[in-house]
Amino acid sequence: MFTACMNPKSGSFSVDLRLTRHFTLISCLTAEKEILKTIYFQILDNHLCNFDKACADLSGKIVEATMITFQGVALNA
C-alpha cells in the first residue's frame, strides 16, 4: 500500500492526469459519536459480563475514554 499527498502551501495545485490514474481515493466516514458509543459499549459489555462485577461495571468508562482518545487523534490528524 502506498500513500501520497500534496503540500497545500507550495508548488502547483494541479496534478497531471497521467499521475492521478495510478492512485485511488478512498474516503470513509465515521459514524456519529453516540452510535459508536452504543456499538462499542454493547460489544465490551457483552465481553466483560463473565468478569468480576467490578470489571464488568467499567464498560461505560472504558468506552468513554476510548471515544475521547479517538476524537483527539481524529481531530488532530
C-alpha atoms as a PDB file:
ATOM      1  CA  MET A   1       0.000   0.000   0.000  1.00  0.00           C
ATOM      2  CA  PHE A   2       1.305   3.434  -0.889  1.00  0.00           C
ATOM      3  CA  THR A   3       0.120   6.766   0.421  1.00  0.00           C
ATOM      4  CA  ALA A   4       0.749  10.100  -1.253  1.00  0.00           C
ATOM      5  CA  CYS A   5      -0.320  13.649  -0.564  1.00  0.00           C
ATOM      6  CA  MET A   6       0.240  17.164  -1.821  1.00  0.00           C
ATOM      7  CA  ASN A   7       1.708  20.126   0.003  1.00  0.00           C
ATOM      8  CA  PRO A   8      -1.085  22.747   0.043  1.00  0.00           C
ATOM      9  CA  LYS A   9       1.313  25.644   0.709  1.00  0.00           C
ATOM     10  CA  SER A  10       3.755  25.438  -2.178  1.00  0.00           C
ATOM     11  CA  GLY A  11       4.020  24.296  -5.752  1.00  0.00           C
ATOM     12  CA  SER A  12       1.266  23.713  -8.229  1.00  0.00           C
ATOM     13  CA  PHE A  13      -2.199  22.790  -7.011  1.00  0.00           C
ATOM     14  CA  SER A  14      -2.997  20.744 -10.095  1.00  0.00           C
ATOM     15  CA  VAL A  15      -1.872  17.176 -10.627  1.00  0.00           C
ATOM     16  CA  ASP A  16      -1.218  15.730 -14.054  1.00  0.00           C
ATOM     17  CA  LEU A  17      -3.866  13.173 -15.085  1.00  0.00           C
ATOM     18  CA  ARG A  18      -1.151  10.714 -16.106  1.00  0.00           C
ATOM     19  CA  LEU A  19      -0.066  10.672 -12.462  1.00  0.00           C
ATOM     20  CA  THR A  20      -3.527  10.523 -10.873  1.00  0.00           C
ATOM     21  CA  ARG A  21      -4.512   7.409 -12.803  1.00  0.00           C
ATOM     22  CA  HIS A  22      -2.132   5.453 -10.561  1.00  0.00           C
ATOM     23  CA  PHE A  23      -3.990   6.398  -7.380  1.00  0.00           C
ATOM     24  CA  THR A  24      -7.375   5.660  -5.893  1.00  0.00           C
ATOM     25  CA  LEU A  25      -9.075   7.951  -3.440  1.00  0.00           C
ATOM     26  CA  ILE A  26     -10.783   6.137  -0.611  1.00  0.00           C
ATOM     27  CA  SER A  27     -12.802   8.121   1.868  1.00  0.00           C
ATOM     28  CA  CYS A  28     -14.510   6.629   4.910  1.00  0.00           C
ATOM     29  CA  LEU A  29     -16.992   8.447   7.063  1.00  0.00           C
ATOM     30  CA  THR A  30     -17.158   7.643  10.736  1.00  0.00           C
ATOM     31  CA  ALA A  31     -20.447   7.149  12.481  1.00  0.00           C
ATOM     32  CA  GLU A  32     -21.755   9.708  14.934  1.00  0.00           C
ATOM     33  CA  LYS A  33     -20.341   9.672  18.451  1.00  0.00           C
ATOM     34  CA  GLU A  34     -23.472   8.268  20.094  1.00  0.00           C
ATOM     35  CA  ILE A  35     -23.746   5.437  17.566  1.00  0.00           C
ATOM     36  CA  LEU A  36     -20.109   4.452  18.089  1.00  0.00           C
ATOM     37  CA  LYS A  37     -20.532   4.580  21.859  1.00  0.00           C
ATOM     38  CA  THR A  38     -23.573   2.308  21.658  1.00  0.00           C
ATOM     39  CA  ILE A  39     -21.813  -0.212  19.426  1.00  0.00           C
ATOM     40  CA  TYR A  40     -18.605  -0.285  21.471  1.00  0.00           C
ATOM     41  CA  PHE A  41     -20.493  -0.441  24.767  1.00  0.00           C
ATOM     42  CA  GLN A  42     -22.597  -3.406  23.686  1.00  0.00           C
ATOM     43  CA  ILE A  43     -19.562  -5.327  22.449  1.00  0.00           C
ATOM     44  CA  LEU A  44     -17.442  -4.613  25.517  1.00  0.00           C
ATOM     45  CA  ASP A  45     -20.283  -5.092  27.993  1.00  0.00           C
ATOM     46  CA  ASN A  46     -21.058  -8.492  26.495  1.00  0.00           C
ATOM     47  CA  HIS A  47     -17.383  -9.449  26.638  1.00  0.00           C
ATOM     48  CA  LEU A  48     -16.959  -8.345  30.253  1.00  0.00           C
ATOM     49  CA  CYS A  49     -20.159  -9.944  31.571  1.00  0.00           C
ATOM     50  CA  ASN A  50     -18.222 -13.051  32.689  1.00  0.00           C
ATOM     51  CA  PHE A  51     -15.636 -10.993  34.621  1.00  0.00           C
ATOM     52  CA  ASP A  52     -15.909  -9.763  38.205  1.00  0.00           C
ATOM     53  CA  LYS A  53     -18.656  -7.214  38.757  1.00  0.00           C
ATOM     54  CA  ALA A  54     -16.038  -4.525  39.426  1.00  0.00           C
ATOM     55  CA  CYS A  55     -14.543  -5.108  35.964  1.00  0.00           C
ATOM     56  CA  ALA A  56     -17.879  -5.513  34.227  1.00  0.00           C
ATOM     57  CA  ASP A  57     -19.050  -2.158  35.584  1.00  0.00           C
ATOM     58  CA  LEU A  58     -16.145  -0.376  33.873  1.00  0.00           C
ATOM     59  CA  SER A  59     -17.575  -0.853  30.368  1.00  0.00           C
ATOM     60  CA  GLY A  60     -19.035   2.639  30.160  1.00  0.00           C
ATOM     61  CA  LYS A  61     -15.880   4.329  31.439  1.00  0.00           C
ATOM     62  CA  ILE A  62     -13.638   2.365  29.076  1.00  0.00           C
ATOM     63  CA  VAL A  63     -15.827   3.235  26.101  1.00  0.00           C
ATOM     64  CA  GLU A  64     -15.911   6.915  27.102  1.00  0.00           C
ATOM     65  CA  ALA A  65     -12.112   7.020  27.448  1.00  0.00           C
ATOM     66  CA  THR A  66     -11.745   5.303  24.083  1.00  0.00           C
ATOM     67  CA  MET A  67     -14.046   7.839  22.428  1.00  0.00           C
ATOM     68  CA  ILE A  68     -12.107  10.761  23.909  1.00  0.00           C
ATOM     69  CA  THR A  69      -8.851   9.257  22.633  1.00  0.00           C
ATOM     70  CA  PHE A  70     -10.360   8.555  19.214  1.00  0.00           C
ATOM     71  CA  GLN A  71     -11.649  12.105  18.851  1.00  0.00           C
ATOM     72  CA  GLY A  72      -8.303  13.520  19.954  1.00  0.00           C
ATOM     73  CA  VAL A  73      -6.490  11.500  17.313  1.00  0.00           C
ATOM     74  CA  ALA A  74      -9.078  12.102  14.568  1.00  0.00           C
ATOM     75  CA  LEU A  75      -9.263  15.848  15.095  1.00  0.00           C
ATOM     76  CA  ASN A  76      -5.503  16.327  15.328  1.00  0.00           C
ATOM     77  CA  ALA A  77      -4.598  14.127  12.382  1.00  0.00           C
END
